[in-house]
PDB file of all heavy atoms in Angstrom:
ATOM      1  N   VAL A   1     196.429  86.104-134.908  1.00  0.00           N
ATOM      2  CA  VAL A   1     197.693  86.120-135.656  1.00  0.00           C
ATOM      3  C   VAL A   1     197.437  86.233-137.148  1.00  0.00           C
ATOM      4  O   VAL A   1     198.122  86.977-137.865  1.00  0.00           O
ATOM      5  CB  VAL A   1     198.503  84.843-135.347  1.00  0.00           C
ATOM      6  CG1 VAL A   1     199.786  84.804-136.184  1.00  0.00           C
ATOM      7  CG2 VAL A   1     198.826  84.757-133.860  1.00  0.00           C
ATOM      8  N   LEU A   2     196.439  85.497-137.611  1.00  0.00           N
ATOM      9  CA  LEU A   2     196.089  85.482-139.032  1.00  0.00           C
ATOM     10  C   LEU A   2     194.622  85.867-139.178  1.00  0.00           C
ATOM     11  O   LEU A   2     193.730  85.035-138.972  1.00  0.00           O
ATOM     12  CB  LEU A   2     196.330  84.081-139.616  1.00  0.00           C
ATOM     13  CG  LEU A   2     195.991  83.882-141.098  1.00  0.00           C
ATOM     14  CD1 LEU A   2     196.874  84.760-141.986  1.00  0.00           C
ATOM     15  CD2 LEU A   2     196.139  82.407-141.483  1.00  0.00           C
ATOM     16  N   PRO A   3     194.328  87.107-139.529  1.00  0.00           N
ATOM     17  CA  PRO A   3     192.924  87.534-139.681  1.00  0.00           C
ATOM     18  C   PRO A   3     192.218  86.729-140.766  1.00  0.00           C
ATOM     19  O   PRO A   3     192.838  86.296-141.746  1.00  0.00           O
ATOM     20  CB  PRO A   3     193.056  89.008-140.080  1.00  0.00           C
ATOM     21  CG  PRO A   3     194.410  89.421-139.601  1.00  0.00           C
ATOM     22  CD  PRO A   3     195.279  88.210-139.736  1.00  0.00           C
ATOM     23  N   GLU A   4     190.919  86.550-140.594  1.00  0.00           N
ATOM     24  CA  GLU A   4     190.149  85.764-141.559  1.00  0.00           C
ATOM     25  C   GLU A   4     190.284  86.298-142.978  1.00  0.00           C
ATOM     26  O   GLU A   4     190.287  85.529-143.943  1.00  0.00           O
ATOM     27  CB  GLU A   4     188.680  85.738-141.147  1.00  0.00           C
ATOM     28  CG  GLU A   4     188.404  84.922-139.893  1.00  0.00           C
ATOM     29  CD  GLU A   4     186.921  84.793-139.615  1.00  0.00           C
ATOM     30  OE1 GLU A   4     186.127  84.850-140.586  1.00  0.00           O
ATOM     31  OE2 GLU A   4     186.548  84.639-138.445  1.00  0.00           O
ATOM     32  N   ALA A   5     190.393  87.608-143.113  1.00  0.00           N
ATOM     33  CA  ALA A   5     190.492  88.210-144.439  1.00  0.00           C
ATOM     34  C   ALA A   5     191.768  87.805-145.168  1.00  0.00           C
ATOM     35  O   ALA A   5     191.857  87.934-146.392  1.00  0.00           O
ATOM     36  CB  ALA A   5     190.424  89.726-144.334  1.00  0.00           C
ATOM     37  N   GLU A   6     192.757  87.302-144.430  1.00  0.00           N
ATOM     38  CA  GLU A   6     194.041  86.930-145.027  1.00  0.00           C
ATOM     39  C   GLU A   6     194.201  85.429-145.196  1.00  0.00           C
ATOM     40  O   GLU A   6     195.273  84.947-145.585  1.00  0.00           O
ATOM     41  CB  GLU A   6     195.184  87.485-144.175  1.00  0.00           C
ATOM     42  CG  GLU A   6     195.194  89.000-144.100  1.00  0.00           C
ATOM     43  CD  GLU A   6     196.298  89.546-143.203  1.00  0.00           C
ATOM     44  OE1 GLU A   6     197.224  88.766-142.875  1.00  0.00           O
ATOM     45  OE2 GLU A   6     196.236  90.728-142.833  1.00  0.00           O
ATOM     46  N   LEU A   7     193.146  84.664-144.920  1.00  0.00           N
ATOM     47  CA  LEU A   7     193.216  83.215-145.080  1.00  0.00           C
ATOM     48  C   LEU A   7     193.387  82.852-146.554  1.00  0.00           C
ATOM     49  O   LEU A   7     192.837  83.518-147.430  1.00  0.00           O
ATOM     50  CB  LEU A   7     191.950  82.567-144.532  1.00  0.00           C
ATOM     51  CG  LEU A   7     191.812  82.541-143.011  1.00  0.00           C
ATOM     52  CD1 LEU A   7     190.387  82.167-142.606  1.00  0.00           C
ATOM     53  CD2 LEU A   7     192.808  81.563-142.394  1.00  0.00           C
ATOM     54  N   PRO A   8     194.138  81.810-146.857  1.00  0.00           N
ATOM     55  CA  PRO A   8     194.332  81.420-148.258  1.00  0.00           C
ATOM     56  C   PRO A   8     193.046  80.869-148.861  1.00  0.00           C
ATOM     57  O   PRO A   8     192.246  80.226-148.176  1.00  0.00           O
ATOM     58  CB  PRO A   8     195.418  80.338-148.169  1.00  0.00           C
ATOM     59  CG  PRO A   8     195.265  79.759-146.794  1.00  0.00           C
ATOM     60  CD  PRO A   8     194.867  80.917-145.915  1.00  0.00           C
ATOM     61  N   ALA A   9     192.866  81.102-150.142  1.00  0.00           N
ATOM     62  CA  ALA A   9     191.680  80.592-150.825  1.00  0.00           C
ATOM     63  C   ALA A   9     191.804  79.109-151.125  1.00  0.00           C
ATOM     64  O   ALA A   9     190.803  78.402-151.210  1.00  0.00           O
ATOM     65  CB  ALA A   9     191.455  81.372-152.121  1.00  0.00           C
ATOM     66  N   SER A  10     193.029  78.626-151.284  1.00  0.00           N
ATOM     67  CA  SER A  10     193.285  77.235-151.629  1.00  0.00           C
ATOM     68  C   SER A  10     194.477  76.713-150.840  1.00  0.00           C
ATOM     69  O   SER A  10     195.402  77.479-150.501  1.00  0.00           O
ATOM     70  CB  SER A  10     193.578  77.105-153.129  1.00  0.00           C
ATOM     71  OG  SER A  10     194.084  75.821-153.448  1.00  0.00           O
ATOM     72  N   ILE A  11     194.481  75.423-150.571  1.00  0.00           N
ATOM     73  CA  ILE A  11     195.642  74.817-149.919  1.00  0.00           C
ATOM     74  C   ILE A  11     196.878  74.947-150.805  1.00  0.00           C
ATOM     75  O   ILE A  11     198.001  74.968-150.311  1.00  0.00           O
ATOM     76  CB  ILE A  11     195.359  73.334-149.587  1.00  0.00           C
ATOM     77  CG1 ILE A  11     196.353  72.825-148.530  1.00  0.00           C
ATOM     78  CG2 ILE A  11     195.367  72.466-150.835  1.00  0.00           C
ATOM     79  CD1 ILE A  11     196.020  71.444-148.001  1.00  0.00           C
ATOM     80  N   MET A  12     196.678  75.053-152.115  1.00  0.00           N
ATOM     81  CA  MET A  12     197.806  75.198-153.042  1.00  0.00           C
ATOM     82  C   MET A  12     198.541  76.513-152.836  1.00  0.00           C
ATOM     83  O   MET A  12     199.735  76.620-153.136  1.00  0.00           O
ATOM     84  CB  MET A  12     197.321  75.078-154.488  1.00  0.00           C
ATOM     85  CG  MET A  12     196.506  73.828-154.799  1.00  0.00           C
ATOM     86  SD  MET A  12     197.367  72.286-154.446  1.00  0.00           S
ATOM     87  CE  MET A  12     198.607  72.281-155.742  1.00  0.00           C
ATOM     88  N   ASP A  13     197.836  77.530-152.302  1.00  0.00           N
ATOM     89  CA  ASP A  13     198.454  78.830-152.077  1.00  0.00           C
ATOM     90  C   ASP A  13     199.565  78.779-151.039  1.00  0.00           C
ATOM     91  O   ASP A  13     200.422  79.674-150.987  1.00  0.00           O
ATOM     92  CB  ASP A  13     197.407  79.848-151.614  1.00  0.00           C
ATOM     93  CG  ASP A  13     196.365  80.144-152.681  1.00  0.00           C
ATOM     94  OD1 ASP A  13     196.629  79.856-153.866  1.00  0.00           O
ATOM     95  OD2 ASP A  13     195.289  80.662-152.322  1.00  0.00           O
ATOM     96  N   LEU A  14     199.565  77.750-150.190  1.00  0.00           N
ATOM     97  CA  LEU A  14     200.558  77.666-149.120  1.00  0.00           C
ATOM     98  C   LEU A  14     201.978  77.462-149.646  1.00  0.00           C
ATOM     99  O   LEU A  14     202.937  77.587-148.887  1.00  0.00           O
ATOM    100  CB  LEU A  14     200.199  76.537-148.152  1.00  0.00           C
ATOM    101  CG  LEU A  14     198.860  76.705-147.416  1.00  0.00           C
ATOM    102  CD1 LEU A  14     198.593  75.506-146.530  1.00  0.00           C
ATOM    103  CD2 LEU A  14     198.849  77.991-146.594  1.00  0.00           C
ATOM    104  N   ALA A  15     202.100  77.160-150.928  1.00  0.00           N
ATOM    105  CA  ALA A  15     203.423  77.030-151.544  1.00  0.00           C
ATOM    106  C   ALA A  15     203.949  78.364-152.061  1.00  0.00           C
ATOM    107  O   ALA A  15     205.106  78.445-152.486  1.00  0.00           O
ATOM    108  CB  ALA A  15     203.370  76.022-152.692  1.00  0.00           C
ATOM    109  N   ASN A  16     203.133  79.417-152.011  1.00  0.00           N
ATOM    110  CA  ASN A  16     203.553  80.717-152.521  1.00  0.00           C
ATOM    111  C   ASN A  16     204.589  81.367-151.602  1.00  0.00           C
ATOM    112  O   ASN A  16     204.579  81.133-150.385  1.00  0.00           O
ATOM    113  CB  ASN A  16     202.348  81.642-152.677  1.00  0.00           C
ATOM    114  CG  ASN A  16     201.358  81.140-153.718  1.00  0.00           C
ATOM    115  OD1 ASN A  16     201.700  80.312-154.572  1.00  0.00           O
ATOM    116  ND2 ASN A  16     200.133  81.629-153.655  1.00  0.00           N
ATOM    117  N   PRO A  17     205.473  82.188-152.157  1.00  0.00           N
ATOM    118  CA  PRO A  17     206.561  82.774-151.359  1.00  0.00           C
ATOM    119  C   PRO A  17     206.104  83.552-150.129  1.00  0.00           C
ATOM    120  O   PRO A  17     206.810  83.582-149.119  1.00  0.00           O
ATOM    121  CB  PRO A  17     207.260  83.704-152.364  1.00  0.00           C
ATOM    122  CG  PRO A  17     206.970  83.097-153.699  1.00  0.00           C
ATOM    123  CD  PRO A  17     205.586  82.531-153.595  1.00  0.00           C
ATOM    124  N   GLU A  18     204.934  84.170-150.176  1.00  0.00           N
ATOM    125  CA  GLU A  18     204.494  84.982-149.035  1.00  0.00           C
ATOM    126  C   GLU A  18     204.202  84.145-147.792  1.00  0.00           C
ATOM    127  O   GLU A  18     204.054  84.697-146.691  1.00  0.00           O
ATOM    128  CB  GLU A  18     203.257  85.806-149.408  1.00  0.00           C
ATOM    129  CG  GLU A  18     202.026  85.007-149.782  1.00  0.00           C
ATOM    130  CD  GLU A  18     201.895  84.802-151.282  1.00  0.00           C
ATOM    131  OE1 GLU A  18     202.930  84.811-151.976  1.00  0.00           O
ATOM    132  OE2 GLU A  18     200.747  84.642-151.750  1.00  0.00           O
ATOM    133  N   TRP A  19     204.132  82.809-147.929  1.00  0.00           N
ATOM    134  CA  TRP A  19     203.875  81.941-146.774  1.00  0.00           C
ATOM    135  C   TRP A  19     205.163  81.370-146.170  1.00  0.00           C
ATOM    136  O   TRP A  19     205.101  80.527-145.267  1.00  0.00           O
ATOM    137  CB  TRP A  19     202.930  80.810-147.169  1.00  0.00           C
ATOM    138  CG  TRP A  19     201.528  81.302-147.361  1.00  0.00           C
ATOM    139  CD1 TRP A  19     200.922  81.648-148.523  1.00  0.00           C
ATOM    140  CD2 TRP A  19     200.577  81.539-146.328  1.00  0.00           C
ATOM    141  NE1 TRP A  19     199.645  82.093-148.303  1.00  0.00           N
ATOM    142  CE2 TRP A  19     199.398  82.027-146.950  1.00  0.00           C
ATOM    143  CE3 TRP A  19     200.579  81.389-144.942  1.00  0.00           C
ATOM    144  CZ2 TRP A  19     198.255  82.365-146.231  1.00  0.00           C
ATOM    145  CZ3 TRP A  19     199.449  81.718-144.227  1.00  0.00           C
ATOM    146  CH2 TRP A  19     198.310  82.198-144.862  1.00  0.00           C
ATOM    147  N   GLU A  20     206.287  81.832-146.633  1.00  0.00           N
ATOM    148  CA  GLU A  20     207.552  81.286-146.117  1.00  0.00           C
ATOM    149  C   GLU A  20     207.659  81.495-144.606  1.00  0.00           C
ATOM    150  O   GLU A  20     207.481  82.607-144.105  1.00  0.00           O
ATOM    151  CB  GLU A  20     208.743  81.923-146.818  1.00  0.00           C
ATOM    152  CG  GLU A  20     210.076  81.310-146.396  1.00  0.00           C
ATOM    153  CD  GLU A  20     211.244  81.784-147.257  1.00  0.00           C
ATOM    154  OE1 GLU A  20     211.007  82.562-148.217  1.00  0.00           O
ATOM    155  OE2 GLU A  20     212.377  81.370-146.966  1.00  0.00           O
ATOM    156  N   GLY A  21     207.917  80.410-143.873  1.00  0.00           N
ATOM    157  CA  GLY A  21     208.082  80.456-142.435  1.00  0.00           C
ATOM    158  C   GLY A  21     206.809  80.628-141.642  1.00  0.00           C
ATOM    159  O   GLY A  21     206.846  80.797-140.417  1.00  0.00           O
ATOM    160  N   ARG A  22     205.657  80.532-142.292  1.00  0.00           N
ATOM    161  CA  ARG A  22     204.392  80.855-141.620  1.00  0.00           C
ATOM    162  C   ARG A  22     203.472  79.663-141.401  1.00  0.00           C
ATOM    163  O   ARG A  22     202.425  79.818-140.767  1.00  0.00           O
ATOM    164  CB  ARG A  22     203.645  81.919-142.432  1.00  0.00           C
ATOM    165  CG  ARG A  22     204.398  83.232-142.594  1.00  0.00           C
ATOM    166  CD  ARG A  22     203.684  84.165-143.553  1.00  0.00           C
ATOM    167  NE  ARG A  22     202.343  84.512-143.075  1.00  0.00           N
ATOM    168  CZ  ARG A  22     201.413  85.083-143.841  1.00  0.00           C
ATOM    169  NH1 ARG A  22     201.667  85.327-145.130  1.00  0.00           N
ATOM    170  NH2 ARG A  22     200.229  85.381-143.329  1.00  0.00           N
ATOM    171  N   ILE A  23     203.816  78.496-141.932  1.00  0.00           N
ATOM    172  CA  ILE A  23     202.903  77.365-141.846  1.00  0.00           C
ATOM    173  C   ILE A  23     203.598  76.147-141.229  1.00  0.00           C
ATOM    174  O   ILE A  23     204.827  76.087-141.143  1.00  0.00           O
ATOM    175  CB  ILE A  23     202.323  76.990-143.226  1.00  0.00           C
ATOM    176  CG1 ILE A  23     203.445  76.643-144.195  1.00  0.00           C
ATOM    177  CG2 ILE A  23     201.460  78.106-143.753  1.00  0.00           C
ATOM    178  CD1 ILE A  23     202.943  76.162-145.539  1.00  0.00           C
ATOM    179  N   GLY A  24     202.786  75.177-140.803  1.00  0.00           N
ATOM    180  CA  GLY A  24     203.309  73.957-140.209  1.00  0.00           C
ATOM    181  C   GLY A  24     202.616  72.731-140.779  1.00  0.00           C
ATOM    182  O   GLY A  24     201.425  72.773-141.099  1.00  0.00           O
ATOM    183  N   ILE A  25     203.358  71.639-140.911  1.00  0.00           N
ATOM    184  CA  ILE A  25     202.810  70.373-141.397  1.00  0.00           C
ATOM    185  C   ILE A  25     203.475  69.233-140.631  1.00  0.00           C
ATOM    186  O   ILE A  25     204.602  69.351-140.161  1.00  0.00           O
ATOM    187  CB  ILE A  25     203.045  70.165-142.912  1.00  0.00           C
ATOM    188  CG1 ILE A  25     204.540  70.239-143.255  1.00  0.00           C
ATOM    189  CG2 ILE A  25     202.254  71.186-143.717  1.00  0.00           C
ATOM    190  CD1 ILE A  25     204.856  69.945-144.717  1.00  0.00           C
ATOM    191  N   ALA A  26     202.760  68.116-140.513  1.00  0.00           N
ATOM    192  CA  ALA A  26     203.336  66.890-139.949  1.00  0.00           C
ATOM    193  C   ALA A  26     203.709  66.000-141.135  1.00  0.00           C
ATOM    194  O   ALA A  26     203.030  65.022-141.452  1.00  0.00           O
ATOM    195  CB  ALA A  26     202.340  66.203-139.030  1.00  0.00           C
ATOM    196  N   ALA A  27     204.805  66.344-141.802  1.00  0.00           N
ATOM    197  CA  ALA A  27     205.155  65.743-143.092  1.00  0.00           C
ATOM    198  C   ALA A  27     205.368  64.238-143.007  1.00  0.00           C
ATOM    199  O   ALA A  27     205.090  63.514-143.970  1.00  0.00           O
ATOM    200  CB  ALA A  27     206.402  66.409-143.650  1.00  0.00           C
ATOM    201  N   GLY A  28     205.843  63.738-141.886  1.00  0.00           N
ATOM    202  CA  GLY A  28     206.149  62.325-141.777  1.00  0.00           C
ATOM    203  C   GLY A  28     204.968  61.444-141.448  1.00  0.00           C
ATOM    204  O   GLY A  28     205.098  60.218-141.442  1.00  0.00           O
ATOM    205  N   GLY A  29     203.809  62.025-141.190  1.00  0.00           N
ATOM    206  CA  GLY A  29     202.649  61.246-140.760  1.00  0.00           C
ATOM    207  C   GLY A  29     201.768  60.799-141.909  1.00  0.00           C
ATOM    208  O   GLY A  29     201.730  61.431-142.972  1.00  0.00           O
ATOM    209  N   PRO A  30     201.032  59.705-141.708  1.00  0.00           N
ATOM    210  CA  PRO A  30     200.146  59.207-142.771  1.00  0.00           C
ATOM    211  C   PRO A  30     199.021  60.170-143.122  1.00  0.00           C
ATOM    212  O   PRO A  30     198.525  60.156-144.253  1.00  0.00           O
ATOM    213  CB  PRO A  30     199.601  57.895-142.189  1.00  0.00           C
ATOM    214  CG  PRO A  30     199.750  58.037-140.706  1.00  0.00           C
ATOM    215  CD  PRO A  30     200.983  58.857-140.506  1.00  0.00           C
ATOM    216  N   ASP A  31     198.609  61.026-142.175  1.00  0.00           N
ATOM    217  CA  ASP A  31     197.540  61.975-142.460  1.00  0.00           C
ATOM    218  C   ASP A  31     197.969  62.963-143.543  1.00  0.00           C
ATOM    219  O   ASP A  31     197.289  63.137-144.561  1.00  0.00           O
ATOM    220  CB  ASP A  31     197.146  62.745-141.201  1.00  0.00           C
ATOM    221  CG  ASP A  31     196.453  61.873-140.172  1.00  0.00           C
ATOM    222  OD1 ASP A  31     196.189  60.694-140.473  1.00  0.00           O
ATOM    223  OD2 ASP A  31     196.186  62.369-139.064  1.00  0.00           O
ATOM    224  N   PHE A  32     199.096  63.628-143.334  1.00  0.00           N
ATOM    225  CA  PHE A  32     199.546  64.615-144.314  1.00  0.00           C
ATOM    226  C   PHE A  32     199.856  63.951-145.642  1.00  0.00           C
ATOM    227  O   PHE A  32     199.543  64.490-146.712  1.00  0.00           O
ATOM    228  CB  PHE A  32     200.765  65.383-143.811  1.00  0.00           C
ATOM    229  CG  PHE A  32     201.222  66.445-144.775  1.00  0.00           C
ATOM    230  CD1 PHE A  32     200.531  67.639-144.879  1.00  0.00           C
ATOM    231  CD2 PHE A  32     202.304  66.224-145.609  1.00  0.00           C
ATOM    232  CE1 PHE A  32     200.915  68.611-145.793  1.00  0.00           C
ATOM    233  CE2 PHE A  32     202.701  67.194-146.530  1.00  0.00           C
ATOM    234  CZ  PHE A  32     202.006  68.388-146.624  1.00  0.00           C
ATOM    235  N   GLN A  33     200.443  62.768-145.611  1.00  0.00           N
ATOM    236  CA  GLN A  33     200.775  62.088-146.857  1.00  0.00           C
ATOM    237  C   GLN A  33     199.517  61.690-147.631  1.00  0.00           C
ATOM    238  O   GLN A  33     199.514  61.678-148.864  1.00  0.00           O
ATOM    239  CB  GLN A  33     201.660  60.888-146.558  1.00  0.00           C
ATOM    240  CG  GLN A  33     203.050  61.308-146.086  1.00  0.00           C
ATOM    241  CD  GLN A  33     203.894  60.165-145.570  1.00  0.00           C
ATOM    242  OE1 GLN A  33     203.728  59.025-145.960  1.00  0.00           O
ATOM    243  NE2 GLN A  33     204.814  60.477-144.666  1.00  0.00           N
ATOM    244  N   ALA A  34     198.438  61.380-146.926  1.00  0.00           N
ATOM    245  CA  ALA A  34     197.174  61.112-147.613  1.00  0.00           C
ATOM    246  C   ALA A  34     196.663  62.373-148.301  1.00  0.00           C
ATOM    247  O   ALA A  34     196.116  62.313-149.416  1.00  0.00           O
ATOM    248  CB  ALA A  34     196.146  60.584-146.624  1.00  0.00           C
ATOM    249  N   ILE A  35     196.826  63.521-147.641  1.00  0.00           N
ATOM    250  CA  ILE A  35     196.428  64.792-148.250  1.00  0.00           C
ATOM    251  C   ILE A  35     197.248  65.048-149.518  1.00  0.00           C
ATOM    252  O   ILE A  35     196.709  65.471-150.547  1.00  0.00           O
ATOM    253  CB  ILE A  35     196.589  65.940-147.233  1.00  0.00           C
ATOM    254  CG1 ILE A  35     195.621  65.745-146.067  1.00  0.00           C
ATOM    255  CG2 ILE A  35     196.360  67.297-147.904  1.00  0.00           C
ATOM    256  CD1 ILE A  35     195.904  66.630-144.865  1.00  0.00           C
ATOM    257  N   VAL A  36     198.548  64.773-149.454  1.00  0.00           N
ATOM    258  CA  VAL A  36     199.391  64.931-150.640  1.00  0.00           C
ATOM    259  C   VAL A  36     198.907  64.004-151.756  1.00  0.00           C
ATOM    260  O   VAL A  36     198.894  64.385-152.931  1.00  0.00           O
ATOM    261  CB  VAL A  36     200.871  64.652-150.311  1.00  0.00           C
ATOM    262  CG1 VAL A  36     201.730  64.738-151.574  1.00  0.00           C
ATOM    263  CG2 VAL A  36     201.392  65.636-149.266  1.00  0.00           C
ATOM    264  N   SER A  37     198.489  62.797-151.393  1.00  0.00           N
ATOM    265  CA  SER A  37     198.015  61.864-152.420  1.00  0.00           C
ATOM    266  C   SER A  37     196.768  62.394-153.118  1.00  0.00           C
ATOM    267  O   SER A  37     196.559  62.151-154.313  1.00  0.00           O
ATOM    268  CB  SER A  37     197.746  60.484-151.804  1.00  0.00           C
ATOM    269  OG  SER A  37     196.581  60.483-150.998  1.00  0.00           O
ATOM    270  N   ALA A  38     195.947  63.132-152.391  1.00  0.00           N
ATOM    271  CA  ALA A  38     194.769  63.744-153.007  1.00  0.00           C
ATOM    272  C   ALA A  38     195.185  64.868-153.955  1.00  0.00           C
ATOM    273  O   ALA A  38     194.613  65.022-155.041  1.00  0.00           O
ATOM    274  CB  ALA A  38     193.829  64.275-151.937  1.00  0.00           C
ATOM    275  N   VAL A  39     196.156  65.671-153.554  1.00  0.00           N
ATOM    276  CA  VAL A  39     196.677  66.718-154.444  1.00  0.00           C
ATOM    277  C   VAL A  39     197.206  66.091-155.726  1.00  0.00           C
ATOM    278  O   VAL A  39     196.944  66.571-156.842  1.00  0.00           O
ATOM    279  CB  VAL A  39     197.772  67.542-153.737  1.00  0.00           C
ATOM    280  CG1 VAL A  39     198.401  68.542-154.709  1.00  0.00           C
ATOM    281  CG2 VAL A  39     197.208  68.273-152.529  1.00  0.00           C
ATOM    282  N   LEU A  40     197.926  64.979-155.584  1.00  0.00           N
ATOM    283  CA  LEU A  40     198.467  64.281-156.747  1.00  0.00           C
ATOM    284  C   LEU A  40     197.357  63.788-157.664  1.00  0.00           C
ATOM    285  O   LEU A  40     197.433  63.940-158.894  1.00  0.00           O
ATOM    286  CB  LEU A  40     199.344  63.117-156.279  1.00  0.00           C
ATOM    287  CG  LEU A  40     199.980  62.244-157.362  1.00  0.00           C
ATOM    288  CD1 LEU A  40     200.907  63.058-158.251  1.00  0.00           C
ATOM    289  CD2 LEU A  40     200.743  61.083-156.716  1.00  0.00           C
ATOM    290  N   ALA A  41     196.315  63.213-157.094  1.00  0.00           N
ATOM    291  CA  ALA A  41     195.214  62.695-157.893  1.00  0.00           C
ATOM    292  C   ALA A  41     194.444  63.802-158.596  1.00  0.00           C
ATOM    293  O   ALA A  41     193.962  63.627-159.720  1.00  0.00           O
ATOM    294  CB  ALA A  41     194.267  61.885-157.001  1.00  0.00           C
ATOM    295  N   LEU A  42     194.343  64.961-157.942  1.00  0.00           N
ATOM    296  CA  LEU A  42     193.527  66.051-158.470  1.00  0.00           C
ATOM    297  C   LEU A  42     194.294  66.990-159.392  1.00  0.00           C
ATOM    298  O   LEU A  42     193.732  67.514-160.358  1.00  0.00           O
ATOM    299  CB  LEU A  42     192.939  66.859-157.309  1.00  0.00           C
ATOM    300  CG  LEU A  42     191.876  66.154-156.475  1.00  0.00           C
ATOM    301  CD1 LEU A  42     191.686  66.872-155.142  1.00  0.00           C
ATOM    302  CD2 LEU A  42     190.559  66.088-157.250  1.00  0.00           C
ATOM    303  N   ARG A  43     195.573  67.230-159.096  1.00  0.00           N
ATOM    304  CA  ARG A  43     196.319  68.258-159.826  1.00  0.00           C
ATOM    305  C   ARG A  43     197.449  67.700-160.693  1.00  0.00           C
ATOM    306  O   ARG A  43     198.033  68.451-161.474  1.00  0.00           O
ATOM    307  CB  ARG A  43     196.879  69.288-158.833  1.00  0.00           C
ATOM    308  CG  ARG A  43     195.796  70.066-158.079  1.00  0.00           C
ATOM    309  CD  ARG A  43     194.917  70.869-159.022  1.00  0.00           C
ATOM    310  NE  ARG A  43     193.817  71.530-158.354  1.00  0.00           N
ATOM    311  CZ  ARG A  43     193.866  72.742-157.820  1.00  0.00           C
ATOM    312  NH1 ARG A  43     195.005  73.429-157.845  1.00  0.00           N
ATOM    313  NH2 ARG A  43     192.802  73.266-157.243  1.00  0.00           N
ATOM    314  N   GLY A  44     197.781  66.445-160.536  1.00  0.00           N
ATOM    315  CA  GLY A  44     198.831  65.857-161.353  1.00  0.00           C
ATOM    316  C   GLY A  44     200.206  65.987-160.744  1.00  0.00           C
ATOM    317  O   GLY A  44     200.421  66.713-159.770  1.00  0.00           O
ATOM    318  N   GLU A  45     201.149  65.284-161.347  1.00  0.00           N
ATOM    319  CA  GLU A  45     202.481  65.173-160.751  1.00  0.00           C
ATOM    320  C   GLU A  45     203.264  66.481-160.782  1.00  0.00           C
ATOM    321  O   GLU A  45     203.918  66.839-159.801  1.00  0.00           O
ATOM    322  CB  GLU A  45     203.264  64.075-161.465  1.00  0.00           C
ATOM    323  CG  GLU A  45     204.573  63.741-160.771  1.00  0.00           C
ATOM    324  CD  GLU A  45     205.139  62.406-161.211  1.00  0.00           C
ATOM    325  OE1 GLU A  45     204.377  61.413-161.237  1.00  0.00           O
ATOM    326  OE2 GLU A  45     206.341  62.368-161.532  1.00  0.00           O
TER     327      GLU A  45
END
């Protein structure tokens, strides 16, 4: 479905318009929220 050549270079790219409707997250779970906390620590608010 998604060829390796089209994989995003960064997790931050998943917010770009071309990914609309193409990705999935478990937003309510502690795992995803921990990942968000790392983004916050690394990239700022």
